[in-house]
Amino acid sequence: MIEALFESDCPELKLVARGKVRDLYEIDEHSLLFVATDRISAYDVIMNSAVAGKGKILTQISVF
């Protein structure tokens, strides 16, 4: 079973922002890393649970 990623942790990178479903890191002055997590939100509220694999699907949709 896949474990849900509720919050990313990249200590090597500077955390710029943590949104409703994505975490944003600064790679360098010209590049950002968006991490699509498995967090879910409704009506601008982040729920206490997550959906395993949701971040992967969000990333695949963005690539498409």
PDB file of N, CA and C in Angstrom:
ATOM      1  N   MET A   1       0.834  -1.177   0.000  1.00  0.00           N
ATOM      2  CA  MET A   1       0.000   0.000   0.000  1.00  0.00           C
ATOM      3  C   MET A   1       0.882   1.245   0.000  1.00  0.00           C
ATOM      4  N   ILE A   2       0.511   2.242  -0.764  1.00  0.00           N
ATOM      5  CA  ILE A   2       1.255   3.490  -0.868  1.00  0.00           C
ATOM      6  C   ILE A   2       0.906   4.383   0.324  1.00  0.00           C
ATOM      7  N   GLU A   3       1.940   4.941   0.944  1.00  0.00           N
ATOM      8  CA  GLU A   3       1.722   5.873   2.052  1.00  0.00           C
ATOM      9  C   GLU A   3       1.468   7.270   1.488  1.00  0.00           C
ATOM     10  N   ALA A   4       0.518   7.972   2.046  1.00  0.00           N
ATOM     11  CA  ALA A   4       0.167   9.316   1.577  1.00  0.00           C
ATOM     12  C   ALA A   4       1.220  10.327   2.032  1.00  0.00           C
ATOM     13  N   LEU A   5       1.555  11.259   1.142  1.00  0.00           N
ATOM     14  CA  LEU A   5       2.498  12.339   1.447  1.00  0.00           C
ATOM     15  C   LEU A   5       1.702  13.567   1.857  1.00  0.00           C
ATOM     16  N   PHE A   6       1.591  13.779   3.155  1.00  0.00           N
ATOM     17  CA  PHE A   6       0.822  14.914   3.658  1.00  0.00           C
ATOM     18  C   PHE A   6       1.638  16.199   3.619  1.00  0.00           C
ATOM     19  N   GLU A   7       2.951  16.080   3.856  1.00  0.00           N
ATOM     20  CA  GLU A   7       3.816  17.253   3.870  1.00  0.00           C
ATOM     21  C   GLU A   7       5.206  16.834   3.418  1.00  0.00           C
ATOM     22  N   SER A   8       5.776  17.558   2.442  1.00  0.00           N
ATOM     23  CA  SER A   8       7.113  17.242   1.970  1.00  0.00           C
ATOM     24  C   SER A   8       8.157  17.812   2.922  1.00  0.00           C
ATOM     25  N   ASP A   9       9.367  17.261   2.853  1.00  0.00           N
ATOM     26  CA  ASP A   9      10.465  17.734   3.694  1.00  0.00           C
ATOM     27  C   ASP A   9      11.748  17.648   2.884  1.00  0.00           C
ATOM     28  N   CYS A  10      12.239  18.794   2.426  1.00  0.00           N
ATOM     29  CA  CYS A  10      13.475  18.875   1.659  1.00  0.00           C
ATOM     30  C   CYS A  10      14.411  19.841   2.388  1.00  0.00           C
ATOM     31  N   PRO A  11      15.120  19.387   3.420  1.00  0.00           N
ATOM     32  CA  PRO A  11      15.935  20.297   4.226  1.00  0.00           C
ATOM     33  C   PRO A  11      17.062  20.979   3.449  1.00  0.00           C
ATOM     34  N   GLU A  12      17.459  20.398   2.304  1.00  0.00           N
ATOM     35  CA  GLU A  12      18.524  20.988   1.497  1.00  0.00           C
ATOM     36  C   GLU A  12      18.045  22.228   0.748  1.00  0.00           C
ATOM     37  N   LEU A  13      16.720  22.377   0.598  1.00  0.00           N
ATOM     38  CA  LEU A  13      16.150  23.485  -0.160  1.00  0.00           C
ATOM     39  C   LEU A  13      15.392  24.434   0.761  1.00  0.00           C
ATOM     40  N   LYS A  14      15.282  25.684   0.334  1.00  0.00           N
ATOM     41  CA  LYS A  14      14.545  26.684   1.097  1.00  0.00           C
ATOM     42  C   LYS A  14      13.048  26.546   0.799  1.00  0.00           C
ATOM     43  N   LEU A  15      12.239  26.329   1.827  1.00  0.00           N
ATOM     44  CA  LEU A  15      10.790  26.264   1.677  1.00  0.00           C
ATOM     45  C   LEU A  15      10.268  27.684   1.483  1.00  0.00           C
ATOM     46  N   VAL A  16       9.642  27.939   0.344  1.00  0.00           N
ATOM     47  CA  VAL A  16       9.117  29.264   0.028  1.00  0.00           C
ATOM     48  C   VAL A  16       7.679  29.393   0.519  1.00  0.00           C
ATOM     49  N   ALA A  17       6.870  28.356   0.269  1.00  0.00           N
ATOM     50  CA  ALA A  17       5.455  28.405   0.649  1.00  0.00           C
ATOM     51  C   ALA A  17       4.899  26.993   0.757  1.00  0.00           C
ATOM     52  N   ARG A  18       3.870  26.871   1.569  1.00  0.00           N
ATOM     53  CA  ARG A  18       3.130  25.615   1.690  1.00  0.00           C
ATOM     54  C   ARG A  18       1.675  25.964   1.439  1.00  0.00           C
ATOM     55  N   GLY A  19       1.160  25.535   0.288  1.00  0.00           N
ATOM     56  CA  GLY A  19      -0.210  25.854  -0.081  1.00  0.00           C
ATOM     57  C   GLY A  19      -1.182  24.789   0.370  1.00  0.00           C
ATOM     58  N   LYS A  20      -2.373  24.815  -0.228  1.00  0.00           N
ATOM     59  CA  LYS A  20      -3.402  23.845   0.156  1.00  0.00           C
ATOM     60  C   LYS A  20      -2.991  22.430  -0.220  1.00  0.00           C
ATOM     61  N   VAL A  21      -2.413  22.252  -1.397  1.00  0.00           N
ATOM     62  CA  VAL A  21      -2.035  20.909  -1.831  1.00  0.00           C
ATOM     63  C   VAL A  21      -0.606  20.817  -2.355  1.00  0.00           C
ATOM     64  N   ARG A  22       0.085  21.945  -2.504  1.00  0.00           N
ATOM     65  CA  ARG A  22       1.441  21.933  -3.033  1.00  0.00           C
ATOM     66  C   ARG A  22       2.408  22.630  -2.085  1.00  0.00           C
ATOM     67  N   ASP A  23       3.657  22.140  -2.073  1.00  0.00           N
ATOM     68  CA  ASP A  23       4.746  22.782  -1.335  1.00  0.00           C
ATOM     69  C   ASP A  23       5.709  23.355  -2.377  1.00  0.00           C
ATOM     70  N   LEU A  24       6.235  24.542  -2.106  1.00  0.00           N
ATOM     71  CA  LEU A  24       7.074  25.247  -3.066  1.00  0.00           C
ATOM     72  C   LEU A  24       8.457  25.492  -2.458  1.00  0.00           C
ATOM     73  N   TYR A  25       9.498  25.039  -3.169  1.00  0.00           N
ATOM     74  CA  TYR A  25      10.870  25.195  -2.725  1.00  0.00           C
ATOM     75  C   TYR A  25      11.665  25.996  -3.748  1.00  0.00           C
ATOM     76  N   GLU A  26      12.671  26.736  -3.267  1.00  0.00           N
ATOM     77  CA  GLU A  26      13.580  27.468  -4.141  1.00  0.00           C
ATOM     78  C   GLU A  26      14.812  26.608  -4.385  1.00  0.00           C
ATOM     79  N   ILE A  27      15.077  26.309  -5.659  1.00  0.00           N
ATOM     80  CA  ILE A  27      16.271  25.549  -6.012  1.00  0.00           C
ATOM     81  C   ILE A  27      17.454  26.500  -6.150  1.00  0.00           C
ATOM     82  N   ASP A  28      17.252  27.562  -6.916  1.00  0.00           N
ATOM     83  CA  ASP A  28      18.227  28.644  -7.044  1.00  0.00           C
ATOM     84  C   ASP A  28      17.458  29.904  -7.397  1.00  0.00           C
ATOM     85  N   GLU A  29      18.144  30.982  -7.729  1.00  0.00           N
ATOM     86  CA  GLU A  29      17.453  32.252  -7.979  1.00  0.00           C
ATOM     87  C   GLU A  29      16.585  32.234  -9.231  1.00  0.00           C
ATOM     88  N   HIS A  30      16.743  31.189 -10.067  1.00  0.00           N
ATOM     89  CA  HIS A  30      15.970  31.103 -11.307  1.00  0.00           C
ATOM     90  C   HIS A  30      15.014  29.905 -11.359  1.00  0.00           C
ATOM     91  N   SER A  31      15.061  29.042 -10.348  1.00  0.00           N
ATOM     92  CA  SER A  31      14.299  27.794 -10.410  1.00  0.00           C
ATOM     93  C   SER A  31      13.527  27.516  -9.125  1.00  0.00           C
ATOM     94  N   LEU A  32      12.304  27.023  -9.295  1.00  0.00           N
ATOM     95  CA  LEU A  32      11.465  26.611  -8.181  1.00  0.00           C
ATOM     96  C   LEU A  32      11.076  25.151  -8.349  1.00  0.00           C
ATOM     97  N   LEU A  33      10.837  24.469  -7.249  1.00  0.00           N
ATOM     98  CA  LEU A  33      10.365  23.089  -7.260  1.00  0.00           C
ATOM     99  C   LEU A  33       8.985  23.060  -6.618  1.00  0.00           C
ATOM    100  N   PHE A  34       7.988  22.623  -7.376  1.00  0.00           N
ATOM    101  CA  PHE A  34       6.641  22.447  -6.860  1.00  0.00           C
ATOM    102  C   PHE A  34       6.458  20.976  -6.522  1.00  0.00           C
ATOM    103  N   VAL A  35       6.088  20.680  -5.287  1.00  0.00           N
ATOM    104  CA  VAL A  35       5.838  19.303  -4.869  1.00  0.00           C
ATOM    105  C   VAL A  35       4.338  19.159  -4.659  1.00  0.00           C
ATOM    106  N   ALA A  36       3.703  18.339  -5.486  1.00  0.00           N
ATOM    107  CA  ALA A  36       2.269  18.079  -5.345  1.00  0.00           C
ATOM    108  C   ALA A  36       2.089  16.995  -4.294  1.00  0.00           C
ATOM    109  N   THR A  37       1.500  17.351  -3.163  1.00  0.00           N
ATOM    110  CA  THR A  37       1.298  16.401  -2.067  1.00  0.00           C
ATOM    111  C   THR A  37      -0.035  15.683  -2.236  1.00  0.00           C
ATOM    112  N   ASP A  38      -0.328  14.818  -1.301  1.00  0.00           N
ATOM    113  CA  ASP A  38      -1.591  14.080  -1.302  1.00  0.00           C
ATOM    114  C   ASP A  38      -2.635  14.734  -0.402  1.00  0.00           C
ATOM    115  N   ARG A  39      -2.346  15.963   0.079  1.00  0.00           N
ATOM    116  CA  ARG A  39      -3.318  16.670   0.918  1.00  0.00           C
ATOM    117  C   ARG A  39      -4.585  16.950   0.118  1.00  0.00           C
ATOM    118  N   ILE A  40      -5.698  16.990   0.821  1.00  0.00           N
ATOM    119  CA  ILE A  40      -6.960  17.358   0.183  1.00  0.00           C
ATOM    120  C   ILE A  40      -7.535  18.571   0.906  1.00  0.00           C
ATOM    121  N   SER A  41      -8.253  19.382   0.153  1.00  0.00           N
ATOM    122  CA  SER A  41      -8.873  20.562   0.744  1.00  0.00           C
ATOM    123  C   SER A  41     -10.272  20.728   0.166  1.00  0.00           C
ATOM    124  N   ALA A  42     -11.101  21.355   0.953  1.00  0.00           N
ATOM    125  CA  ALA A  42     -12.467  21.673   0.521  1.00  0.00           C
ATOM    126  C   ALA A  42     -12.857  22.992   1.154  1.00  0.00           C
ATOM    127  N   TYR A  43     -13.395  23.862   0.350  1.00  0.00           N
ATOM    128  CA  TYR A  43     -13.809  25.173   0.844  1.00  0.00           C
ATOM    129  C   TYR A  43     -12.651  25.888   1.553  1.00  0.00           C
ATOM    130  N   ASP A  44     -11.457  25.806   0.942  1.00  0.00           N
ATOM    131  CA  ASP A  44     -10.237  26.447   1.453  1.00  0.00           C
ATOM    132  C   ASP A  44      -9.800  25.967   2.832  1.00  0.00           C
ATOM    133  N   VAL A  45     -10.186  24.753   3.192  1.00  0.00           N
ATOM    134  CA  VAL A  45      -9.762  24.155   4.455  1.00  0.00           C
ATOM    135  C   VAL A  45      -8.994  22.879   4.135  1.00  0.00           C
ATOM    136  N   ILE A  46      -7.794  22.739   4.705  1.00  0.00           N
ATOM    137  CA  ILE A  46      -7.005  21.522   4.509  1.00  0.00           C
ATOM    138  C   ILE A  46      -7.516  20.455   5.463  1.00  0.00           C
ATOM    139  N   MET A  47      -7.885  19.305   4.919  1.00  0.00           N
ATOM    140  CA  MET A  47      -8.420  18.210   5.723  1.00  0.00           C
ATOM    141  C   MET A  47      -7.301  17.504   6.485  1.00  0.00           C
ATOM    142  N   ASN A  48      -7.645  16.793   7.543  1.00  0.00           N
ATOM    143  CA  ASN A  48      -6.664  16.089   8.365  1.00  0.00           C
ATOM    144  C   ASN A  48      -6.161  14.800   7.738  1.00  0.00           C
ATOM    145  N   SER A  49      -6.807  14.348   6.692  1.00  0.00           N
ATOM    146  CA  SER A  49      -6.375  13.126   6.018  1.00  0.00           C
ATOM    147  C   SER A  49      -5.867  13.460   4.625  1.00  0.00           C
ATOM    148  N   ALA A  50      -5.261  12.476   3.982  1.00  0.00           N
ATOM    149  CA  ALA A  50      -4.735  12.656   2.630  1.00  0.00           C
ATOM    150  C   ALA A  50      -5.130  11.459   1.777  1.00  0.00           C
ATOM    151  N   VAL A  51      -5.027  11.602   0.456  1.00  0.00           N
ATOM    152  CA  VAL A  51      -5.359  10.535  -0.479  1.00  0.00           C
ATOM    153  C   VAL A  51      -4.063  10.067  -1.129  1.00  0.00           C
ATOM    154  N   ALA A  52      -3.652   8.850  -0.834  1.00  0.00           N
ATOM    155  CA  ALA A  52      -2.403   8.319  -1.378  1.00  0.00           C
ATOM    156  C   ALA A  52      -2.419   8.334  -2.906  1.00  0.00           C
ATOM    157  N   GLY A  53      -1.365   8.867  -3.509  1.00  0.00           N
ATOM    158  CA  GLY A  53      -1.237   8.900  -4.967  1.00  0.00           C
ATOM    159  C   GLY A  53      -1.808  10.144  -5.616  1.00  0.00           C
ATOM    160  N   LYS A  54      -2.501  10.992  -4.857  1.00  0.00           N
ATOM    161  CA  LYS A  54      -3.128  12.184  -5.428  1.00  0.00           C
ATOM    162  C   LYS A  54      -2.091  13.137  -6.010  1.00  0.00           C
ATOM    163  N   GLY A  55      -0.976  13.332  -5.317  1.00  0.00           N
ATOM    164  CA  GLY A  55       0.071  14.216  -5.809  1.00  0.00           C
ATOM    165  C   GLY A  55       0.669  13.740  -7.119  1.00  0.00           C
ATOM    166  N   LYS A  56       0.834  12.440  -7.251  1.00  0.00           N
ATOM    167  CA  LYS A  56       1.361  11.861  -8.488  1.00  0.00           C
ATOM    168  C   LYS A  56       0.414  12.141  -9.650  1.00  0.00           C
ATOM    169  N   ILE A  57      -0.874  11.999  -9.413  1.00  0.00           N
ATOM    170  CA  ILE A  57      -1.875  12.263 -10.460  1.00  0.00           C
ATOM    171  C   ILE A  57      -1.886  13.740 -10.833  1.00  0.00           C
ATOM    172  N   LEU A  58      -1.800  14.642  -9.842  1.00  0.00           N
ATOM    173  CA  LEU A  58      -1.739  16.081 -10.127  1.00  0.00           C
ATOM    174  C   LEU A  58      -0.528  16.416 -10.993  1.00  0.00           C
ATOM    175  N   THR A  59       0.609  15.800 -10.681  1.00  0.00           N
ATOM    176  CA  THR A  59       1.819  16.039 -11.462  1.00  0.00           C
ATOM    177  C   THR A  59       1.654  15.530 -12.886  1.00  0.00           C
ATOM    178  N   GLN A  60       1.073  14.367 -13.070  1.00  0.00           N
ATOM    179  CA  GLN A  60       0.868  13.815 -14.411  1.00  0.00           C
ATOM    180  C   GLN A  60      -0.076  14.699 -15.228  1.00  0.00           C
ATOM    181  N   ILE A  61      -1.086  15.259 -14.591  1.00  0.00           N
ATOM    182  CA  ILE A  61      -2.004  16.162 -15.291  1.00  0.00           C
ATOM    183  C   ILE A  61      -1.246  17.423 -15.722  1.00  0.00           C
ATOM    184  N   SER A  62      -0.373  17.949 -14.861  1.00  0.00           N
ATOM    185  CA  SER A  62       0.399  19.134 -15.207  1.00  0.00           C
ATOM    186  C   SER A  62       1.337  18.875 -16.376  1.00  0.00           C
ATOM    187  N   VAL A  63       1.945  17.693 -16.402  1.00  0.00           N
ATOM    188  CA  VAL A  63       2.840  17.326 -17.499  1.00  0.00           C
ATOM    189  C   VAL A  63       2.064  17.232 -18.805  1.00  0.00           C
ATOM    190  N   PHE A  64       0.845  16.698 -18.733  1.00  0.00           N
ATOM    191  CA  PHE A  64       0.005  16.555 -19.922  1.00  0.00           C
ATOM    192  C   PHE A  64      -0.321  17.906 -20.506  1.00  0.00           C
TER     193      PHE A  64
END
